[in-house]
Amino acid sequence: MKVVVLYKKNSEHYSSLEEFISKLRQGLEGSSVSVEVSSAETREGNAIASIYDIFSFPAILVLRDDGSVQNLWEGPDFPAIDEIKGYALA
């Protein structure tokens, strides 16, 4: 599994997202789950947003090893770290 965080750097939520990502990485430390962070304004981030039909940022995806979505959150209300961990470690 992996967690992908898509964001837009010039959004009003960017500074709080940085802190959230740090806590997320700490919460998943020692597990086999990777955390990837990508700007939706890059080619890679834009491709991810397009593949998974993401239009609201930030977006947090928990992806299975085959690339299918385990869960997805979009918008400024971040889910609880434990909720993400529950899906990522399932």
C-alpha atoms as a PDB file:
ATOM      1  CA  MET A   1       0.000   0.000   0.000  1.00  0.00           C
ATOM      2  CA  LYS A   2       0.983   3.597  -0.391  1.00  0.00           C
ATOM      3  CA  VAL A   3      -0.446   6.956   0.559  1.00  0.00           C
ATOM      4  CA  VAL A   4      -0.363   9.717  -2.043  1.00  0.00           C
ATOM      5  CA  VAL A   5      -0.913  13.341  -1.077  1.00  0.00           C
ATOM      6  CA  LEU A   6      -1.744  15.753  -3.905  1.00  0.00           C
ATOM      7  CA  TYR A   7      -1.712  19.470  -3.238  1.00  0.00           C
ATOM      8  CA  LYS A   8      -1.545  22.888  -4.837  1.00  0.00           C
ATOM      9  CA  LYS A   9       1.277  24.960  -3.418  1.00  0.00           C
ATOM     10  CA  ASN A  10      -0.481  28.317  -3.606  1.00  0.00           C
ATOM     11  CA  SER A  11      -3.555  27.147  -1.709  1.00  0.00           C
ATOM     12  CA  GLU A  12      -4.514  28.491   1.692  1.00  0.00           C
ATOM     13  CA  HIS A  13      -4.189  24.982   3.147  1.00  0.00           C
ATOM     14  CA  TYR A  14      -0.580  24.400   2.122  1.00  0.00           C
ATOM     15  CA  SER A  15       1.093  25.344   5.414  1.00  0.00           C
ATOM     16  CA  SER A  16      -1.214  23.164   7.519  1.00  0.00           C
ATOM     17  CA  LEU A  17      -0.767  20.349   4.991  1.00  0.00           C
ATOM     18  CA  GLU A  18       3.009  20.347   5.533  1.00  0.00           C
ATOM     19  CA  GLU A  19       2.491  19.717   9.246  1.00  0.00           C
ATOM     20  CA  PHE A  20      -0.127  17.051   8.484  1.00  0.00           C
ATOM     21  CA  ILE A  21       2.263  15.222   6.117  1.00  0.00           C
ATOM     22  CA  SER A  22       4.970  15.234   8.766  1.00  0.00           C
ATOM     23  CA  LYS A  23       2.585  13.680  11.312  1.00  0.00           C
ATOM     24  CA  LEU A  24       1.380  11.161   8.731  1.00  0.00           C
ATOM     25  CA  ARG A  25       4.931  10.051   7.975  1.00  0.00           C
ATOM     26  CA  GLN A  26       5.635   9.696  11.700  1.00  0.00           C
ATOM     27  CA  GLY A  27       2.455   7.664  12.146  1.00  0.00           C
ATOM     28  CA  LEU A  28       3.403   5.253   9.358  1.00  0.00           C
ATOM     29  CA  GLU A  29       7.081   5.031  10.299  1.00  0.00           C
ATOM     30  CA  GLY A  30       8.242   1.441  10.575  1.00  0.00           C
ATOM     31  CA  SER A  31       5.459   0.126   8.337  1.00  0.00           C
ATOM     32  CA  SER A  32       5.746  -0.961   4.715  1.00  0.00           C
ATOM     33  CA  VAL A  33       3.473   1.906   3.641  1.00  0.00           C
ATOM     34  CA  SER A  34       5.156   4.688   1.688  1.00  0.00           C
ATOM     35  CA  VAL A  35       3.985   8.294   1.630  1.00  0.00           C
ATOM     36  CA  GLU A  36       4.351  10.133  -1.668  1.00  0.00           C
ATOM     37  CA  VAL A  37       3.703  13.862  -1.927  1.00  0.00           C
ATOM     38  CA  SER A  38       3.126  15.491  -5.290  1.00  0.00           C
ATOM     39  CA  SER A  39       2.037  18.880  -6.501  1.00  0.00           C
ATOM     40  CA  ALA A  40      -0.988  18.766  -8.776  1.00  0.00           C
ATOM     41  CA  GLU A  41       0.795  21.457 -10.764  1.00  0.00           C
ATOM     42  CA  THR A  42       3.517  19.058 -11.960  1.00  0.00           C
ATOM     43  CA  ARG A  43       3.215  16.567 -14.792  1.00  0.00           C
ATOM     44  CA  GLU A  44       3.257  13.620 -12.369  1.00  0.00           C
ATOM     45  CA  GLY A  45       0.729  15.159  -9.986  1.00  0.00           C
ATOM     46  CA  ASN A  46      -1.547  16.217 -12.819  1.00  0.00           C
ATOM     47  CA  ALA A  47      -1.470  12.670 -14.194  1.00  0.00           C
ATOM     48  CA  ILE A  48      -2.416  11.223 -10.802  1.00  0.00           C
ATOM     49  CA  ALA A  49      -5.279  13.701 -10.455  1.00  0.00           C
ATOM     50  CA  SER A  50      -6.484  12.797 -13.928  1.00  0.00           C
ATOM     51  CA  ILE A  51      -6.287   9.030 -13.394  1.00  0.00           C
ATOM     52  CA  TYR A  52      -8.254   9.175 -10.141  1.00  0.00           C
ATOM     53  CA  ASP A  53     -10.646  12.005 -11.172  1.00  0.00           C
ATOM     54  CA  ILE A  54      -9.479  14.384  -8.450  1.00  0.00           C
ATOM     55  CA  PHE A  55     -10.661  17.967  -8.743  1.00  0.00           C
ATOM     56  CA  SER A  56     -10.425  19.237  -5.155  1.00  0.00           C
ATOM     57  CA  PHE A  57      -7.161  19.741  -3.297  1.00  0.00           C
ATOM     58  CA  PRO A  58      -5.527  18.694  -1.147  1.00  0.00           C
ATOM     59  CA  ALA A  59      -6.354  15.074  -1.862  1.00  0.00           C
ATOM     60  CA  ILE A  60      -5.155  12.038   0.047  1.00  0.00           C
ATOM     61  CA  LEU A  61      -5.300   8.617  -1.577  1.00  0.00           C
ATOM     62  CA  VAL A  62      -4.597   5.235  -0.067  1.00  0.00           C
ATOM     63  CA  LEU A  63      -3.652   2.974  -2.966  1.00  0.00           C
ATOM     64  CA  ARG A  64      -3.344  -0.797  -3.041  1.00  0.00           C
ATOM     65  CA  ASP A  65      -0.270  -2.335  -4.634  1.00  0.00           C
ATOM     66  CA  ASP A  66      -2.192  -2.791  -7.908  1.00  0.00           C
ATOM     67  CA  GLY A  67      -2.983   0.961  -8.027  1.00  0.00           C
ATOM     68  CA  SER A  68      -6.642   0.641  -7.092  1.00  0.00           C
ATOM     69  CA  VAL A  69      -8.051   3.049  -4.524  1.00  0.00           C
ATOM     70  CA  GLN A  70      -8.507   1.792  -0.981  1.00  0.00           C
ATOM     71  CA  ASN A  71      -9.849   5.192   0.105  1.00  0.00           C
ATOM     72  CA  LEU A  72      -9.775   8.820  -1.011  1.00  0.00           C
ATOM     73  CA  TRP A  73     -10.297  12.142   0.752  1.00  0.00           C
ATOM     74  CA  GLU A  74     -10.575  15.439  -1.116  1.00  0.00           C
ATOM     75  CA  GLY A  75     -10.717  18.988   0.135  1.00  0.00           C
ATOM     76  CA  PRO A  76      -9.475  21.027   3.040  1.00  0.00           C
ATOM     77  CA  ASP A  77     -10.775  18.814   5.861  1.00  0.00           C
ATOM     78  CA  PHE A  78      -7.978  16.354   6.572  1.00  0.00           C
ATOM     79  CA  PRO A  79      -8.934  12.908   7.855  1.00  0.00           C
ATOM     80  CA  ALA A  80      -7.533  11.652  11.146  1.00  0.00           C
ATOM     81  CA  ILE A  81      -4.069  10.100  10.888  1.00  0.00           C
ATOM     82  CA  ASP A  82      -5.441   6.945  12.552  1.00  0.00           C
ATOM     83  CA  GLU A  83      -8.153   6.711   9.884  1.00  0.00           C
ATOM     84  CA  ILE A  84      -5.552   6.825   7.112  1.00  0.00           C
ATOM     85  CA  LYS A  85      -3.397   4.288   8.958  1.00  0.00           C
ATOM     86  CA  GLY A  86      -6.397   1.984   9.300  1.00  0.00           C
ATOM     87  CA  TYR A  87      -6.920   1.901   5.543  1.00  0.00           C
ATOM     88  CA  ALA A  88      -3.213   1.831   4.686  1.00  0.00           C
ATOM     89  CA  LEU A  89      -2.410  -1.039   7.025  1.00  0.00           C
ATOM     90  CA  ALA A  90      -5.518  -3.110   6.194  1.00  0.00           C
END
